[in-house]
Amino acid sequence: MSAMPAFDFIPEPLARYRFHPGTMMKDDLRARKHANLGYLHLRLDEPLLARQAFRRAIIVAPGFLPAYLHLALSFGGWR
């Protein structure tokens, strides 16, 4: 039987995490969800639905740059 590891208490924080407006992870995850849906529509040769999904991604997270690129590619540069 192996020995239990020793643990100790450290009274001060070892790391901090700060949220900044406009960079919220929740919005980024929602944008990725819409972008992934857009990619699927592009693969299924449904560019109008793909554009809608990419536009939603941009509305949710305007700083999510891949959505802009793929929105532009959906107008003919995808293949």
N, C-alpha and C. Protein backbone atom coordinates (compact mmCIF):
# COMPACT_ATOMS: atom_id res chain seq x y z
N MET A 1 0.84 -1.16 0.00
CA MET A 1 0.00 0.00 0.00
C MET A 1 0.90 1.24 0.00
N SER A 2 0.55 2.24 -0.86
CA SER A 2 1.39 3.43 -0.94
C SER A 2 1.03 4.42 0.14
N ALA A 3 2.00 5.23 0.50
CA ALA A 3 1.78 6.24 1.54
C ALA A 3 0.96 7.40 0.97
N MET A 4 0.16 8.01 1.80
CA MET A 4 -0.65 9.16 1.39
C MET A 4 0.28 10.37 1.19
N PRO A 5 0.04 11.17 0.14
CA PRO A 5 0.88 12.35 -0.05
C PRO A 5 0.62 13.38 1.05
N ALA A 6 1.63 14.15 1.37
CA ALA A 6 1.50 15.17 2.40
C ALA A 6 0.92 16.45 1.79
N PHE A 7 0.00 17.06 2.49
CA PHE A 7 -0.61 18.31 2.06
C PHE A 7 -0.35 19.38 3.10
N ASP A 8 -0.31 20.62 2.64
CA ASP A 8 -0.10 21.73 3.56
C ASP A 8 -1.00 22.88 3.13
N PHE A 9 -1.20 23.82 4.00
CA PHE A 9 -2.06 24.97 3.74
C PHE A 9 -1.19 26.18 3.46
N ILE A 10 -1.55 26.93 2.39
CA ILE A 10 -0.87 28.17 2.06
C ILE A 10 -1.90 29.29 2.19
N PRO A 11 -1.72 30.24 3.07
CA PRO A 11 -2.76 31.22 3.37
C PRO A 11 -2.99 32.29 2.29
N GLU A 12 -2.06 32.49 1.37
CA GLU A 12 -2.26 33.52 0.35
C GLU A 12 -2.56 32.88 -1.01
N PRO A 13 -3.27 33.62 -1.89
CA PRO A 13 -3.58 33.06 -3.21
C PRO A 13 -2.31 32.88 -4.05
N LEU A 14 -2.30 31.83 -4.84
CA LEU A 14 -1.15 31.58 -5.71
C LEU A 14 -1.38 32.08 -7.12
N ALA A 15 -2.63 32.33 -7.46
CA ALA A 15 -2.96 32.83 -8.80
C ALA A 15 -4.23 33.67 -8.71
N ARG A 16 -4.37 34.56 -9.66
CA ARG A 16 -5.58 35.38 -9.75
C ARG A 16 -6.06 35.36 -11.20
N TYR A 17 -7.37 35.49 -11.36
CA TYR A 17 -7.96 35.51 -12.70
C TYR A 17 -8.85 36.73 -12.77
N ARG A 18 -8.67 37.53 -13.80
CA ARG A 18 -9.45 38.76 -13.93
C ARG A 18 -10.26 38.73 -15.22
N PHE A 19 -11.53 39.10 -15.12
CA PHE A 19 -12.40 39.22 -16.30
C PHE A 19 -12.37 40.65 -16.78
N HIS A 20 -12.28 40.82 -18.09
CA HIS A 20 -12.34 42.13 -18.70
C HIS A 20 -13.59 42.21 -19.56
N PRO A 21 -14.27 43.34 -19.57
CA PRO A 21 -15.44 43.48 -20.44
C PRO A 21 -15.05 43.24 -21.90
N GLY A 22 -15.87 42.53 -22.62
CA GLY A 22 -15.59 42.26 -24.03
C GLY A 22 -14.78 41.01 -24.27
N THR A 23 -14.25 40.41 -23.23
CA THR A 23 -13.47 39.19 -23.42
C THR A 23 -14.03 38.06 -22.57
N MET A 24 -15.30 38.09 -22.35
CA MET A 24 -15.91 37.08 -21.50
C MET A 24 -15.89 35.72 -22.21
N MET A 25 -15.53 34.71 -21.48
CA MET A 25 -15.42 33.37 -22.06
C MET A 25 -16.77 32.86 -22.53
N LYS A 26 -17.84 33.22 -21.84
CA LYS A 26 -19.17 32.73 -22.21
C LYS A 26 -19.52 33.19 -23.62
N ASP A 27 -19.25 34.46 -23.93
CA ASP A 27 -19.53 34.98 -25.27
C ASP A 27 -18.66 34.28 -26.31
N ASP A 28 -17.41 34.03 -25.96
CA ASP A 28 -16.51 33.35 -26.90
C ASP A 28 -17.01 31.94 -27.19
N LEU A 29 -17.48 31.24 -26.19
CA LEU A 29 -18.00 29.89 -26.40
C LEU A 29 -19.25 29.91 -27.27
N ARG A 30 -20.12 30.90 -27.05
CA ARG A 30 -21.32 31.02 -27.87
C ARG A 30 -20.94 31.34 -29.32
N ALA A 31 -19.94 32.21 -29.52
CA ALA A 31 -19.50 32.54 -30.87
C ALA A 31 -18.94 31.30 -31.56
N ARG A 32 -18.17 30.51 -30.84
CA ARG A 32 -17.62 29.28 -31.42
C ARG A 32 -18.74 28.31 -31.80
N LYS A 33 -19.77 28.25 -30.98
CA LYS A 33 -20.91 27.38 -31.30
C LYS A 33 -21.53 27.80 -32.62
N HIS A 34 -21.77 29.09 -32.80
CA HIS A 34 -22.37 29.58 -34.04
C HIS A 34 -21.41 29.38 -35.22
N ALA A 35 -20.12 29.62 -35.00
CA ALA A 35 -19.15 29.43 -36.08
C ALA A 35 -19.08 27.96 -36.50
N ASN A 36 -19.10 27.05 -35.54
CA ASN A 36 -19.08 25.62 -35.88
C ASN A 36 -20.31 25.23 -36.68
N LEU A 37 -21.45 25.81 -36.34
CA LEU A 37 -22.65 25.56 -37.12
C LEU A 37 -22.47 26.10 -38.54
N GLY A 38 -21.86 27.26 -38.66
CA GLY A 38 -21.57 27.82 -39.98
C GLY A 38 -20.67 26.91 -40.80
N TYR A 39 -19.61 26.37 -40.17
CA TYR A 39 -18.72 25.44 -40.88
C TYR A 39 -19.50 24.24 -41.39
N LEU A 40 -20.39 23.73 -40.57
CA LEU A 40 -21.20 22.57 -40.97
C LEU A 40 -22.05 22.93 -42.19
N HIS A 41 -22.70 24.08 -42.16
CA HIS A 41 -23.52 24.49 -43.30
C HIS A 41 -22.68 24.67 -44.56
N LEU A 42 -21.46 25.17 -44.42
CA LEU A 42 -20.60 25.29 -45.59
C LEU A 42 -20.27 23.92 -46.17
N ARG A 43 -19.97 22.98 -45.30
CA ARG A 43 -19.67 21.61 -45.78
C ARG A 43 -20.87 20.96 -46.45
N LEU A 44 -22.07 21.34 -46.01
CA LEU A 44 -23.28 20.80 -46.61
C LEU A 44 -23.74 21.62 -47.82
N ASP A 45 -22.90 22.56 -48.25
CA ASP A 45 -23.18 23.43 -49.40
C ASP A 45 -24.46 24.24 -49.17
N GLU A 46 -24.55 24.83 -47.98
CA GLU A 46 -25.67 25.70 -47.61
C GLU A 46 -25.12 27.06 -47.20
N PRO A 47 -24.62 27.84 -48.16
CA PRO A 47 -23.93 29.09 -47.81
C PRO A 47 -24.82 30.13 -47.13
N LEU A 48 -26.11 30.19 -47.47
CA LEU A 48 -26.98 31.18 -46.83
C LEU A 48 -27.12 30.90 -45.33
N LEU A 49 -27.31 29.63 -44.98
CA LEU A 49 -27.40 29.28 -43.56
C LEU A 49 -26.06 29.47 -42.86
N ALA A 50 -24.98 29.20 -43.58
CA ALA A 50 -23.65 29.41 -43.01
C ALA A 50 -23.44 30.88 -42.69
N ARG A 51 -23.83 31.77 -43.60
CA ARG A 51 -23.67 33.20 -43.37
C ARG A 51 -24.48 33.67 -42.17
N GLN A 52 -25.67 33.14 -42.02
CA GLN A 52 -26.48 33.50 -40.85
C GLN A 52 -25.76 33.12 -39.56
N ALA A 53 -25.20 31.92 -39.54
CA ALA A 53 -24.50 31.45 -38.34
C ALA A 53 -23.26 32.29 -38.06
N PHE A 54 -22.49 32.63 -39.10
CA PHE A 54 -21.30 33.46 -38.90
C PHE A 54 -21.68 34.86 -38.43
N ARG A 55 -22.78 35.40 -38.95
CA ARG A 55 -23.23 36.72 -38.50
C ARG A 55 -23.64 36.68 -37.03
N ARG A 56 -24.29 35.60 -36.61
CA ARG A 56 -24.65 35.46 -35.19
C ARG A 56 -23.40 35.39 -34.32
N ALA A 57 -22.38 34.69 -34.81
CA ALA A 57 -21.12 34.61 -34.06
C ALA A 57 -20.52 36.00 -33.89
N ILE A 58 -20.59 36.81 -34.93
CA ILE A 58 -20.03 38.17 -34.87
C ILE A 58 -20.84 39.04 -33.92
N ILE A 59 -22.15 38.89 -33.92
CA ILE A 59 -23.00 39.68 -33.02
C ILE A 59 -22.70 39.33 -31.56
N VAL A 60 -22.54 38.04 -31.29
CA VAL A 60 -22.29 37.57 -29.92
C VAL A 60 -20.92 38.02 -29.43
N ALA A 61 -19.91 37.89 -30.28
CA ALA A 61 -18.54 38.23 -29.89
C ALA A 61 -17.85 38.94 -31.05
N PRO A 62 -17.99 40.27 -31.14
CA PRO A 62 -17.41 41.02 -32.26
C PRO A 62 -15.90 40.85 -32.42
N GLY A 63 -15.21 40.44 -31.38
CA GLY A 63 -13.77 40.24 -31.47
C GLY A 63 -13.36 38.86 -31.95
N PHE A 64 -14.31 38.01 -32.28
CA PHE A 64 -14.01 36.64 -32.72
C PHE A 64 -13.70 36.67 -34.22
N LEU A 65 -12.44 36.87 -34.57
CA LEU A 65 -12.02 37.12 -35.94
C LEU A 65 -12.27 35.99 -36.93
N PRO A 66 -12.18 34.71 -36.55
CA PRO A 66 -12.45 33.65 -37.53
C PRO A 66 -13.85 33.75 -38.16
N ALA A 67 -14.81 34.28 -37.43
CA ALA A 67 -16.18 34.40 -37.98
C ALA A 67 -16.19 35.36 -39.17
N TYR A 68 -15.42 36.44 -39.10
CA TYR A 68 -15.34 37.39 -40.21
C TYR A 68 -14.71 36.73 -41.43
N LEU A 69 -13.63 36.01 -41.21
CA LEU A 69 -12.93 35.34 -42.32
C LEU A 69 -13.84 34.34 -43.01
N HIS A 70 -14.50 33.51 -42.23
CA HIS A 70 -15.35 32.48 -42.84
C HIS A 70 -16.62 33.07 -43.44
N LEU A 71 -17.09 34.17 -42.89
CA LEU A 71 -18.21 34.85 -43.53
C LEU A 71 -17.80 35.32 -44.92
N ALA A 72 -16.63 35.91 -45.03
CA ALA A 72 -16.15 36.35 -46.34
C ALA A 72 -15.94 35.16 -47.28
N LEU A 73 -15.37 34.08 -46.78
CA LEU A 73 -15.14 32.90 -47.62
C LEU A 73 -16.44 32.25 -48.09
N SER A 74 -17.52 32.45 -47.35
CA SER A 74 -18.78 31.84 -47.72
C SER A 74 -19.36 32.46 -49.00
N PHE A 75 -18.78 33.58 -49.45
CA PHE A 75 -19.25 34.22 -50.68
C PHE A 75 -18.51 33.71 -51.92
N GLY A 76 -17.84 32.58 -51.80
CA GLY A 76 -17.24 31.99 -52.98
C GLY A 76 -15.84 31.46 -52.80
N GLY A 77 -15.15 31.82 -51.76
CA GLY A 77 -13.77 31.37 -51.60
C GLY A 77 -13.61 30.12 -50.76
N TRP A 78 -14.72 29.51 -50.39
CA TRP A 78 -14.66 28.36 -49.48
C TRP A 78 -13.99 27.16 -50.12
N ARG A 79 -14.31 26.84 -51.35
CA ARG A 79 -13.81 25.61 -51.96
C ARG A 79 -12.48 25.82 -52.57
